[in-house]
Amino acid sequence: MGRTIIGTFRTREDAELAVEHLVQEHGINRRDVAVTAADRENTAGEDFNIIEAERGGPDPDKDRATALRGLIRIATELDQEKLVGPVEQTFRSCGAVDIHRQ
């Protein structure tokens, strides 16, 4: 029986980086990684990414669909107990604001 590790992120950039590390460093199949909004509404994160911050924030005229509205959740089920610690560390290093196991 596997264990699900869930990380919550403030920016889409942090979440995407975490997924990249899960796939490339830990060999987790991308289909086994779920990326969702942490709440009921769609979200692009709740904080600016680096590029947006350098510009002073998102450009409201460019894309209103990516308004900052909430956190992003990544969940992955692990078959190998030895990956639990490394995956949690990856989430931490990518900026997760919350990590828990199910």
PDB file of N, CA and C in Angstrom:
ATOM      1  N   MET A   1       0.841  -1.185   0.000  1.00  0.00           N
ATOM      2  CA  MET A   1       0.000   0.000   0.000  1.00  0.00           C
ATOM      3  C   MET A   1       0.880   1.241   0.000  1.00  0.00           C
ATOM      4  N   GLY A   2       0.557   2.208  -0.842  1.00  0.00           N
ATOM      5  CA  GLY A   2       1.362   3.411  -0.965  1.00  0.00           C
ATOM      6  C   GLY A   2       0.982   4.469   0.046  1.00  0.00           C
ATOM      7  N   ARG A   3       1.790   5.494   0.067  1.00  0.00           N
ATOM      8  CA  ARG A   3       1.545   6.642   0.938  1.00  0.00           C
ATOM      9  C   ARG A   3       1.477   7.872   0.057  1.00  0.00           C
ATOM     10  N   THR A   4       0.487   8.723   0.289  1.00  0.00           N
ATOM     11  CA  THR A   4       0.332   9.938  -0.497  1.00  0.00           C
ATOM     12  C   THR A   4       0.991  11.091   0.236  1.00  0.00           C
ATOM     13  N   ILE A   5       1.836  11.828  -0.478  1.00  0.00           N
ATOM     14  CA  ILE A   5       2.489  13.020   0.058  1.00  0.00           C
ATOM     15  C   ILE A   5       1.861  14.215  -0.645  1.00  0.00           C
ATOM     16  N   ILE A   6       1.457  15.216   0.147  1.00  0.00           N
ATOM     17  CA  ILE A   6       0.790  16.395  -0.391  1.00  0.00           C
ATOM     18  C   ILE A   6       1.559  17.635   0.015  1.00  0.00           C
ATOM     19  N   GLY A   7       1.875  18.465  -0.964  1.00  0.00           N
ATOM     20  CA  GLY A   7       2.539  19.746  -0.718  1.00  0.00           C
ATOM     21  C   GLY A   7       1.679  20.882  -1.238  1.00  0.00           C
ATOM     22  N   THR A   8       1.666  21.975  -0.504  1.00  0.00           N
ATOM     23  CA  THR A   8       0.882  23.147  -0.891  1.00  0.00           C
ATOM     24  C   THR A   8       1.844  24.302  -1.169  1.00  0.00           C
ATOM     25  N   PHE A   9       1.624  24.980  -2.294  1.00  0.00           N
ATOM     26  CA  PHE A   9       2.547  26.011  -2.770  1.00  0.00           C
ATOM     27  C   PHE A   9       1.827  27.332  -3.014  1.00  0.00           C
ATOM     28  N   ARG A  10       2.556  28.440  -2.831  1.00  0.00           N
ATOM     29  CA  ARG A  10       1.993  29.784  -3.043  1.00  0.00           C
ATOM     30  C   ARG A  10       2.031  30.230  -4.498  1.00  0.00           C
ATOM     31  N   THR A  11       3.007  29.729  -5.272  1.00  0.00           N
ATOM     32  CA  THR A  11       3.118  30.174  -6.664  1.00  0.00           C
ATOM     33  C   THR A  11       3.095  28.987  -7.616  1.00  0.00           C
ATOM     34  N   ARG A  12       2.613  29.266  -8.796  1.00  0.00           N
ATOM     35  CA  ARG A  12       2.601  28.251  -9.849  1.00  0.00           C
ATOM     36  C   ARG A  12       4.037  27.847 -10.190  1.00  0.00           C
ATOM     37  N   GLU A  13       4.918  28.817 -10.207  1.00  0.00           N
ATOM     38  CA  GLU A  13       6.323  28.548 -10.512  1.00  0.00           C
ATOM     39  C   GLU A  13       6.915  27.534  -9.533  1.00  0.00           C
ATOM     40  N   ASP A  14       6.658  27.704  -8.222  1.00  0.00           N
ATOM     41  CA  ASP A  14       7.169  26.768  -7.217  1.00  0.00           C
ATOM     42  C   ASP A  14       6.573  25.374  -7.423  1.00  0.00           C
ATOM     43  N   ALA A  15       5.272  25.321  -7.702  1.00  0.00           N
ATOM     44  CA  ALA A  15       4.605  24.038  -7.913  1.00  0.00           C
ATOM     45  C   ALA A  15       5.173  23.319  -9.139  1.00  0.00           C
ATOM     46  N   GLU A  16       5.363  24.050 -10.218  1.00  0.00           N
ATOM     47  CA  GLU A  16       5.911  23.441 -11.441  1.00  0.00           C
ATOM     48  C   GLU A  16       7.334  22.938 -11.220  1.00  0.00           C
ATOM     49  N   LEU A  17       8.122  23.676 -10.452  1.00  0.00           N
ATOM     50  CA  LEU A  17       9.488  23.249 -10.147  1.00  0.00           C
ATOM     51  C   LEU A  17       9.458  21.956  -9.330  1.00  0.00           C
ATOM     52  N   ALA A  18       8.554  21.875  -8.383  1.00  0.00           N
ATOM     53  CA  ALA A  18       8.440  20.666  -7.565  1.00  0.00           C
ATOM     54  C   ALA A  18       8.084  19.456  -8.432  1.00  0.00           C
ATOM     55  N   VAL A  19       7.142  19.625  -9.341  1.00  0.00           N
ATOM     56  CA  VAL A  19       6.757  18.526 -10.234  1.00  0.00           C
ATOM     57  C   VAL A  19       7.949  18.088 -11.082  1.00  0.00           C
ATOM     58  N   GLU A  20       8.689  19.051 -11.597  1.00  0.00           N
ATOM     59  CA  GLU A  20       9.872  18.733 -12.405  1.00  0.00           C
ATOM     60  C   GLU A  20      10.867  17.887 -11.611  1.00  0.00           C
ATOM     61  N   HIS A  21      11.101  18.258 -10.358  1.00  0.00           N
ATOM     62  CA  HIS A  21      12.030  17.493  -9.510  1.00  0.00           C
ATOM     63  C   HIS A  21      11.486  16.091  -9.210  1.00  0.00           C
ATOM     64  N   LEU A  22      10.196  15.975  -8.953  1.00  0.00           N
ATOM     65  CA  LEU A  22       9.617  14.659  -8.679  1.00  0.00           C
ATOM     66  C   LEU A  22       9.855  13.713  -9.852  1.00  0.00           C
ATOM     67  N   VAL A  23       9.640  14.215 -11.048  1.00  0.00           N
ATOM     68  CA  VAL A  23       9.767  13.391 -12.248  1.00  0.00           C
ATOM     69  C   VAL A  23      11.231  13.104 -12.579  1.00  0.00           C
ATOM     70  N   GLN A  24      12.055  14.144 -12.601  1.00  0.00           N
ATOM     71  CA  GLN A  24      13.429  13.985 -13.060  1.00  0.00           C
ATOM     72  C   GLN A  24      14.366  13.407 -12.008  1.00  0.00           C
ATOM     73  N   GLU A  25      14.237  13.809 -10.758  1.00  0.00           N
ATOM     74  CA  GLU A  25      15.170  13.345  -9.730  1.00  0.00           C
ATOM     75  C   GLU A  25      14.717  12.070  -9.025  1.00  0.00           C
ATOM     76  N   HIS A  26      13.405  11.920  -8.863  1.00  0.00           N
ATOM     77  CA  HIS A  26      12.907  10.782  -8.095  1.00  0.00           C
ATOM     78  C   HIS A  26      12.283   9.704  -8.968  1.00  0.00           C
ATOM     79  N   GLY A  27      12.192   9.949 -10.286  1.00  0.00           N
ATOM     80  CA  GLY A  27      11.688   8.947 -11.212  1.00  0.00           C
ATOM     81  C   GLY A  27      10.197   8.663 -11.086  1.00  0.00           C
ATOM     82  N   ILE A  28       9.439   9.617 -10.538  1.00  0.00           N
ATOM     83  CA  ILE A  28       7.998   9.448 -10.402  1.00  0.00           C
ATOM     84  C   ILE A  28       7.344   9.749 -11.749  1.00  0.00           C
ATOM     85  N   ASN A  29       6.460   8.880 -12.163  1.00  0.00           N
ATOM     86  CA  ASN A  29       5.759   9.067 -13.432  1.00  0.00           C
ATOM     87  C   ASN A  29       4.881  10.310 -13.332  1.00  0.00           C
ATOM     88  N   ARG A  30       4.919  11.170 -14.328  1.00  0.00           N
ATOM     89  CA  ARG A  30       4.143  12.417 -14.302  1.00  0.00           C
ATOM     90  C   ARG A  30       2.649  12.152 -14.121  1.00  0.00           C
ATOM     91  N   ARG A  31       2.167  11.034 -14.628  1.00  0.00           N
ATOM     92  CA  ARG A  31       0.746  10.689 -14.468  1.00  0.00           C
ATOM     93  C   ARG A  31       0.382  10.393 -13.014  1.00  0.00           C
ATOM     94  N   ASP A  32       1.385  10.161 -12.181  1.00  0.00           N
ATOM     95  CA  ASP A  32       1.150   9.870 -10.763  1.00  0.00           C
ATOM     96  C   ASP A  32       1.257  11.116  -9.896  1.00  0.00           C
ATOM     97  N   VAL A  33       1.328  12.287 -10.521  1.00  0.00           N
ATOM     98  CA  VAL A  33       1.422  13.555  -9.802  1.00  0.00           C
ATOM     99  C   VAL A  33       0.191  14.391 -10.147  1.00  0.00           C
ATOM    100  N   ALA A  34      -0.614  14.694  -9.135  1.00  0.00           N
ATOM    101  CA  ALA A  34      -1.823  15.500  -9.343  1.00  0.00           C
ATOM    102  C   ALA A  34      -1.562  16.928  -8.894  1.00  0.00           C
ATOM    103  N   VAL A  35      -1.853  17.885  -9.769  1.00  0.00           N
ATOM    104  CA  VAL A  35      -1.710  19.305  -9.453  1.00  0.00           C
ATOM    105  C   VAL A  35      -3.110  19.912  -9.495  1.00  0.00           C
ATOM    106  N   THR A  36      -3.543  20.456  -8.360  1.00  0.00           N
ATOM    107  CA  THR A  36      -4.888  21.006  -8.253  1.00  0.00           C
ATOM    108  C   THR A  36      -4.880  22.289  -7.437  1.00  0.00           C
ATOM    109  N   ALA A  37      -5.976  22.995  -7.487  1.00  0.00           N
ATOM    110  CA  ALA A  37      -6.163  24.130  -6.587  1.00  0.00           C
ATOM    111  C   ALA A  37      -6.389  23.575  -5.187  1.00  0.00           C
ATOM    112  N   ALA A  38      -5.881  24.269  -4.185  1.00  0.00           N
ATOM    113  CA  ALA A  38      -6.048  23.812  -2.811  1.00  0.00           C
ATOM    114  C   ALA A  38      -7.474  24.041  -2.320  1.00  0.00           C
ATOM    115  N   ASP A  39      -8.191  24.944  -2.976  1.00  0.00           N
ATOM    116  CA  ASP A  39      -9.582  25.228  -2.625  1.00  0.00           C
ATOM    117  C   ASP A  39     -10.474  24.868  -3.804  1.00  0.00           C
ATOM    118  N   ARG A  40     -11.705  25.290  -3.752  1.00  0.00           N
ATOM    119  CA  ARG A  40     -12.676  24.937  -4.796  1.00  0.00           C
ATOM    120  C   ARG A  40     -12.469  25.686  -6.100  1.00  0.00           C
ATOM    121  N   GLU A  41     -11.909  26.885  -6.043  1.00  0.00           N
ATOM    122  CA  GLU A  41     -11.752  27.690  -7.253  1.00  0.00           C
ATOM    123  C   GLU A  41     -10.416  27.433  -7.923  1.00  0.00           C
ATOM    124  N   ASN A  42     -10.368  27.643  -9.237  1.00  0.00           N
ATOM    125  CA  ASN A  42      -9.112  27.553  -9.961  1.00  0.00           C
ATOM    126  C   ASN A  42      -8.172  28.627  -9.447  1.00  0.00           C
ATOM    127  N   THR A  43      -6.885  28.403  -9.624  1.00  0.00           N
ATOM    128  CA  THR A  43      -5.907  29.350  -9.105  1.00  0.00           C
ATOM    129  C   THR A  43      -4.628  29.338  -9.922  1.00  0.00           C
ATOM    130  N   ALA A  44      -3.925  30.431  -9.857  1.00  0.00           N
ATOM    131  CA  ALA A  44      -2.576  30.521 -10.413  1.00  0.00           C
ATOM    132  C   ALA A  44      -1.598  30.777  -9.277  1.00  0.00           C
ATOM    133  N   GLY A  45      -2.030  30.516  -8.056  1.00  0.00           N
ATOM    134  CA  GLY A  45      -1.199  30.771  -6.888  1.00  0.00           C
ATOM    135  C   GLY A  45      -1.688  32.008  -6.169  1.00  0.00           C
ATOM    136  N   GLU A  46      -1.065  32.319  -5.050  1.00  0.00           N
ATOM    137  CA  GLU A  46      -1.475  33.506  -4.297  1.00  0.00           C
ATOM    138  C   GLU A  46      -0.356  34.522  -4.148  1.00  0.00           C
ATOM    139  N   ASP A  47       0.768  34.272  -4.791  1.00  0.00           N
ATOM    140  CA  ASP A  47       1.903  35.177  -4.698  1.00  0.00           C
ATOM    141  C   ASP A  47       2.486  35.348  -6.096  1.00  0.00           C
ATOM    142  N   PHE A  48       3.182  36.459  -6.320  1.00  0.00           N
ATOM    143  CA  PHE A  48       3.820  36.700  -7.610  1.00  0.00           C
ATOM    144  C   PHE A  48       4.969  35.729  -7.822  1.00  0.00           C
ATOM    145  N   ASN A  49       5.207  35.334  -9.080  1.00  0.00           N
ATOM    146  CA  ASN A  49       6.426  34.595  -9.351  1.00  0.00           C
ATOM    147  C   ASN A  49       7.555  35.601  -9.553  1.00  0.00           C
ATOM    148  N   ILE A  50       8.753  35.150  -9.737  1.00  0.00           N
ATOM    149  CA  ILE A  50       9.919  36.032  -9.817  1.00  0.00           C
ATOM    150  C   ILE A  50       9.797  37.034 -10.957  1.00  0.00           C
ATOM    151  N   ILE A  51       9.386  36.584 -12.125  1.00  0.00           N
ATOM    152  CA  ILE A  51       9.278  37.482 -13.277  1.00  0.00           C
ATOM    153  C   ILE A  51       8.230  38.552 -13.021  1.00  0.00           C
ATOM    154  N   GLU A  52       7.070  38.158 -12.484  1.00  0.00           N
ATOM    155  CA  GLU A  52       6.019  39.132 -12.189  1.00  0.00           C
ATOM    156  C   GLU A  52       6.479  40.120 -11.125  1.00  0.00           C
ATOM    157  N   ALA A  53       7.187  39.635 -10.126  1.00  0.00           N
ATOM    158  CA  ALA A  53       7.654  40.513  -9.046  1.00  0.00           C
ATOM    159  C   ALA A  53       8.627  41.569  -9.579  1.00  0.00           C
ATOM    160  N   GLU A  54       9.491  41.157 -10.514  1.00  0.00           N
ATOM    161  CA  GLU A  54      10.441  42.107 -11.093  1.00  0.00           C
ATOM    162  C   GLU A  54       9.733  43.196 -11.887  1.00  0.00           C
ATOM    163  N   ARG A  55       8.567  42.874 -12.446  1.00  0.00           N
ATOM    164  CA  ARG A  55       7.784  43.851 -13.202  1.00  0.00           C
ATOM    165  C   ARG A  55       6.851  44.648 -12.301  1.00  0.00           C
ATOM    166  N   GLY A  56       6.777  44.298 -11.024  1.00  0.00           N
ATOM    167  CA  GLY A  56       5.876  44.988 -10.111  1.00  0.00           C
ATOM    168  C   GLY A  56       4.543  44.290  -9.944  1.00  0.00           C
ATOM    169  N   GLY A  57       4.419  43.078 -10.438  1.00  0.00           N
ATOM    170  CA  GLY A  57       3.181  42.313 -10.294  1.00  0.00           C
ATOM    171  C   GLY A  57       2.660  41.885 -11.648  1.00  0.00           C
ATOM    172  N   PRO A  58       1.581  41.092 -11.658  1.00  0.00           N
ATOM    173  CA  PRO A  58       1.032  40.635 -12.934  1.00  0.00           C
ATOM    174  C   PRO A  58       0.453  41.797 -13.732  1.00  0.00           C
ATOM    175  N   ASP A  59       0.459  41.653 -15.029  1.00  0.00           N
ATOM    176  CA  ASP A  59      -0.088  42.673 -15.925  1.00  0.00           C
ATOM    177  C   ASP A  59      -1.584  42.432 -16.074  1.00  0.00           C
ATOM    178  N   PRO A  60      -2.435  43.258 -15.462  1.00  0.00           N
ATOM    179  CA  PRO A  60      -3.871  43.006 -15.492  1.00  0.00           C
ATOM    180  C   PRO A  60      -4.471  43.071 -16.890  1.00  0.00           C
ATOM    181  N   ASP A  61      -3.847  43.794 -17.811  1.00  0.00           N
ATOM    182  CA  ASP A  61      -4.362  43.886 -19.171  1.00  0.00           C
ATOM    183  C   ASP A  61      -3.975  42.684 -20.012  1.00  0.00           C
ATOM    184  N   LYS A  62      -2.947  41.956 -19.578  1.00  0.00           N
ATOM    185  CA  LYS A  62      -2.444  40.844 -20.379  1.00  0.00           C
ATOM    186  C   LYS A  62      -3.269  39.577 -20.165  1.00  0.00           C
ATOM    187  N   ASP A  63      -3.561  39.233 -18.919  1.00  0.00           N
ATOM    188  CA  ASP A  63      -4.229  37.958 -18.685  1.00  0.00           C
ATOM    189  C   ASP A  63      -4.971  37.968 -17.358  1.00  0.00           C
ATOM    190  N   ARG A  64      -6.223  38.308 -17.389  1.00  0.00           N
ATOM    191  CA  ARG A  64      -7.027  38.329 -16.165  1.00  0.00           C
ATOM    192  C   ARG A  64      -7.326  36.923 -15.660  1.00  0.00           C
ATOM    193  N   ALA A  65      -7.180  35.913 -16.493  1.00  0.00           N
ATOM    194  CA  ALA A  65      -7.488  34.537 -16.092  1.00  0.00           C
ATOM    195  C   ALA A  65      -6.494  33.995 -15.078  1.00  0.00           C
ATOM    196  N   THR A  66      -5.337  34.632 -14.934  1.00  0.00           N
ATOM    197  CA  THR A  66      -4.338  34.131 -13.993  1.00  0.00           C
ATOM    198  C   THR A  66      -4.291  34.973 -12.729  1.00  0.00           C
ATOM    199  N   ALA A  67      -5.423  35.502 -12.337  1.00  0.00           N
ATOM    200  CA  ALA A  67      -5.476  36.296 -11.104  1.00  0.00           C
ATOM    201  C   ALA A  67      -5.016  35.449  -9.926  1.00  0.00           C
ATOM    202  N   LEU A  68      -4.400  36.113  -8.950  1.00  0.00           N
ATOM    203  CA  LEU A  68      -3.931  35.416  -7.764  1.00  0.00           C
ATOM    204  C   LEU A  68      -5.123  35.167  -6.851  1.00  0.00           C
ATOM    205  N   ARG A  69      -5.445  33.902  -6.638  1.00  0.00           N
ATOM    206  CA  ARG A  69      -6.647  33.586  -5.875  1.00  0.00           C
ATOM    207  C   ARG A  69      -6.458  32.537  -4.807  1.00  0.00           C
ATOM    208  N   GLY A  70      -5.420  31.779  -4.802  1.00  0.00           N
ATOM    209  CA  GLY A  70      -5.313  30.717  -3.806  1.00  0.00           C
ATOM    210  C   GLY A  70      -4.087  29.861  -4.004  1.00  0.00           C
ATOM    211  N   LEU A  71      -3.970  28.885  -3.144  1.00  0.00           N
ATOM    212  CA  LEU A  71      -2.813  27.998  -3.128  1.00  0.00           C
ATOM    213  C   LEU A  71      -2.955  26.866  -4.150  1.00  0.00           C
ATOM    214  N   ILE A  72      -1.821  26.263  -4.479  1.00  0.00           N
ATOM    215  CA  ILE A  72      -1.764  25.151  -5.422  1.00  0.00           C
ATOM    216  C   ILE A  72      -1.303  23.910  -4.660  1.00  0.00           C
ATOM    217  N   ARG A  73      -1.988  22.798  -4.894  1.00  0.00           N
ATOM    218  CA  ARG A  73      -1.676  21.555  -4.184  1.00  0.00           C
ATOM    219  C   ARG A  73      -1.116  20.525  -5.160  1.00  0.00           C
ATOM    220  N   ILE A  74      -0.044  19.850  -4.718  1.00  0.00           N
ATOM    221  CA  ILE A  74       0.527  18.735  -5.468  1.00  0.00           C
ATOM    222  C   ILE A  74       0.418  17.494  -4.599  1.00  0.00           C
ATOM    223  N   ALA A  75      -0.097  16.426  -5.168  1.00  0.00           N
ATOM    224  CA  ALA A  75      -0.202  15.156  -4.450  1.00  0.00           C
ATOM    225  C   ALA A  75       0.401  14.053  -5.305  1.00  0.00           C
ATOM    226  N   THR A  76       1.163  13.175  -4.666  1.00  0.00           N
ATOM    227  CA  THR A  76       1.706  12.024  -5.368  1.00  0.00           C
ATOM    228  C   THR A  76       1.691  10.824  -4.440  1.00  0.00           C
ATOM    229  N   GLU A  77       1.269   9.695  -4.977  1.00  0.00           N
ATOM    230  CA  GLU A  77       1.267   8.461  -4.198  1.00  0.00           C
ATOM    231  C   GLU A  77       2.570   7.724  -4.463  1.00  0.00           C
ATOM    232  N   LEU A  78       3.222   7.337  -3.380  1.00  0.00           N
ATOM    233  CA  LEU A  78       4.516   6.673  -3.481  1.00  0.00           C
ATOM    234  C   LEU A  78       4.377   5.202  -3.126  1.00  0.00           C
ATOM    235  N   ASP A  79       4.924   4.339  -3.972  1.00  0.00           N
ATOM    236  CA  ASP A  79       4.928   2.907  -3.695  1.00  0.00           C
ATOM    237  C   ASP A  79       6.108   2.521  -2.813  1.00  0.00           C
ATOM    238  N   GLN A  80       7.147   3.351  -2.833  1.00  0.00           N
ATOM    239  CA  GLN A  80       8.363   3.041  -2.095  1.00  0.00           C
ATOM    240  C   GLN A  80       8.483   3.966  -0.885  1.00  0.00           C
ATOM    241  N   GLU A  81       8.513   3.376   0.294  1.00  0.00           N
ATOM    242  CA  GLU A  81       8.619   4.149   1.536  1.00  0.00           C
ATOM    243  C   GLU A  81       9.908   4.974   1.555  1.00  0.00           C
ATOM    244  N   LYS A  82      10.955   4.487   0.892  1.00  0.00           N
ATOM    245  CA  LYS A  82      12.239   5.208   0.906  1.00  0.00           C
ATOM    246  C   LYS A  82      12.159   6.560   0.197  1.00  0.00           C
ATOM    247  N   LEU A  83      11.120   6.801  -0.621  1.00  0.00           N
ATOM    248  CA  LEU A  83      10.980   8.078  -1.319  1.00  0.00           C
ATOM    249  C   LEU A  83      10.254   9.136  -0.495  1.00  0.00           C
ATOM    250  N   VAL A  84       9.609   8.744   0.605  1.00  0.00           N
ATOM    251  CA  VAL A  84       8.820   9.693   1.388  1.00  0.00           C
ATOM    252  C   VAL A  84       9.673  10.878   1.850  1.00  0.00           C
ATOM    253  N   GLY A  85      10.765  10.627   2.523  1.00  0.00           N
ATOM    254  CA  GLY A  85      11.643  11.700   3.008  1.00  0.00           C
ATOM    255  C   GLY A  85      12.183  12.571   1.893  1.00  0.00           C
ATOM    256  N   PRO A  86      12.753  11.974   0.831  1.00  0.00           N
ATOM    257  CA  PRO A  86      13.261  12.787  -0.268  1.00  0.00           C
ATOM    258  C   PRO A  86      12.189  13.635  -0.961  1.00  0.00           C
ATOM    259  N   VAL A  87      10.981  13.103  -1.116  1.00  0.00           N
ATOM    260  CA  VAL A  87       9.908  13.884  -1.745  1.00  0.00           C
ATOM    261  C   VAL A  87       9.514  15.047  -0.837  1.00  0.00           C
ATOM    262  N   GLU A  88       9.408  14.802   0.446  1.00  0.00           N
ATOM    263  CA  GLU A  88       9.099  15.891   1.380  1.00  0.00           C
ATOM    264  C   GLU A  88      10.185  16.962   1.340  1.00  0.00           C
ATOM    265  N   GLN A  89      11.442  16.555   1.259  1.00  0.00           N
ATOM    266  CA  GLN A  89      12.545  17.522   1.175  1.00  0.00           C
ATOM    267  C   GLN A  89      12.476  18.312  -0.129  1.00  0.00           C
ATOM    268  N   THR A  90      12.118  17.657  -1.220  1.00  0.00           N
ATOM    269  CA  THR A  90      11.949  18.350  -2.497  1.00  0.00           C
ATOM    270  C   THR A  90      10.860  19.403  -2.384  1.00  0.00           C
ATOM    271  N   PHE A  91       9.724  19.046  -1.786  1.00  0.00           N
ATOM    272  CA  PHE A  91       8.652  20.017  -1.597  1.00  0.00           C
ATOM    273  C   PHE A  91       9.139  21.208  -0.782  1.00  0.00           C
ATOM    274  N   ARG A  92       9.866  20.942   0.309  1.00  0.00           N
ATOM    275  CA  ARG A  92      10.400  22.035   1.147  1.00  0.00           C
ATOM    276  C   ARG A  92      11.330  22.940   0.342  1.00  0.00           C
ATOM    277  N   SER A  93      12.250  22.339  -0.394  1.00  0.00           N
ATOM    278  CA  SER A  93      13.243  23.129  -1.128  1.00  0.00           C
ATOM    279  C   SER A  93      12.608  23.925  -2.271  1.00  0.00           C
ATOM    280  N   CYS A  94      11.435  23.502  -2.723  1.00  0.00           N
ATOM    281  CA  CYS A  94      10.734  24.220  -3.794  1.00  0.00           C
ATOM    282  C   CYS A  94       9.742  25.238  -3.243  1.00  0.00           C
ATOM    283  N   GLY A  95       9.685  25.391  -1.921  1.00  0.00           N
ATOM    284  CA  GLY A  95       8.864  26.445  -1.339  1.00  0.00           C
ATOM    285  C   GLY A  95       7.511  26.041  -0.809  1.00  0.00           C
ATOM    286  N   ALA A  96       7.288  24.751  -0.556  1.00  0.00           N
ATOM    287  CA  ALA A  96       5.994  24.334  -0.012  1.00  0.00           C
ATOM    288  C   ALA A  96       5.726  25.027   1.315  1.00  0.00           C
ATOM    289  N   VAL A  97       4.506  25.494   1.488  1.00  0.00           N
ATOM    290  CA  VAL A  97       4.113  26.143   2.749  1.00  0.00           C
ATOM    291  C   VAL A  97       3.460  25.148   3.690  1.00  0.00           C
ATOM    292  N   ASP A  98       3.108  23.963   3.171  1.00  0.00           N
ATOM    293  CA  ASP A  98       2.536  22.903   3.995  1.00  0.00           C
ATOM    294  C   ASP A  98       2.830  21.574   3.318  1.00  0.00           C
ATOM    295  N   ILE A  99       3.182  20.574   4.127  1.00  0.00           N
ATOM    296  CA  ILE A  99       3.437  19.222   3.615  1.00  0.00           C
ATOM    297  C   ILE A  99       2.792  18.254   4.593  1.00  0.00           C
ATOM    298  N   HIS A 100       2.039  17.299   4.068  1.00  0.00           N
ATOM    299  CA  HIS A 100       1.516  16.268   4.952  1.00  0.00           C
ATOM    300  C   HIS A 100       1.364  14.950   4.212  1.00  0.00           C
ATOM    301  N   ARG A 101       1.188  13.897   5.006  1.00  0.00           N
ATOM    302  CA  ARG A 101       1.068  12.532   4.481  1.00  0.00           C
ATOM    303  C   ARG A 101      -0.347  12.031   4.699  1.00  0.00           C
ATOM    304  N   GLN A 102      -0.786  11.184   3.778  1.00  0.00           N
ATOM    305  CA  GLN A 102      -2.080  10.501   3.955  1.00  0.00           C
ATOM    306  C   GLN A 102      -1.874   9.027   3.795  1.00  0.00           C
TER     307      GLN A 102
END
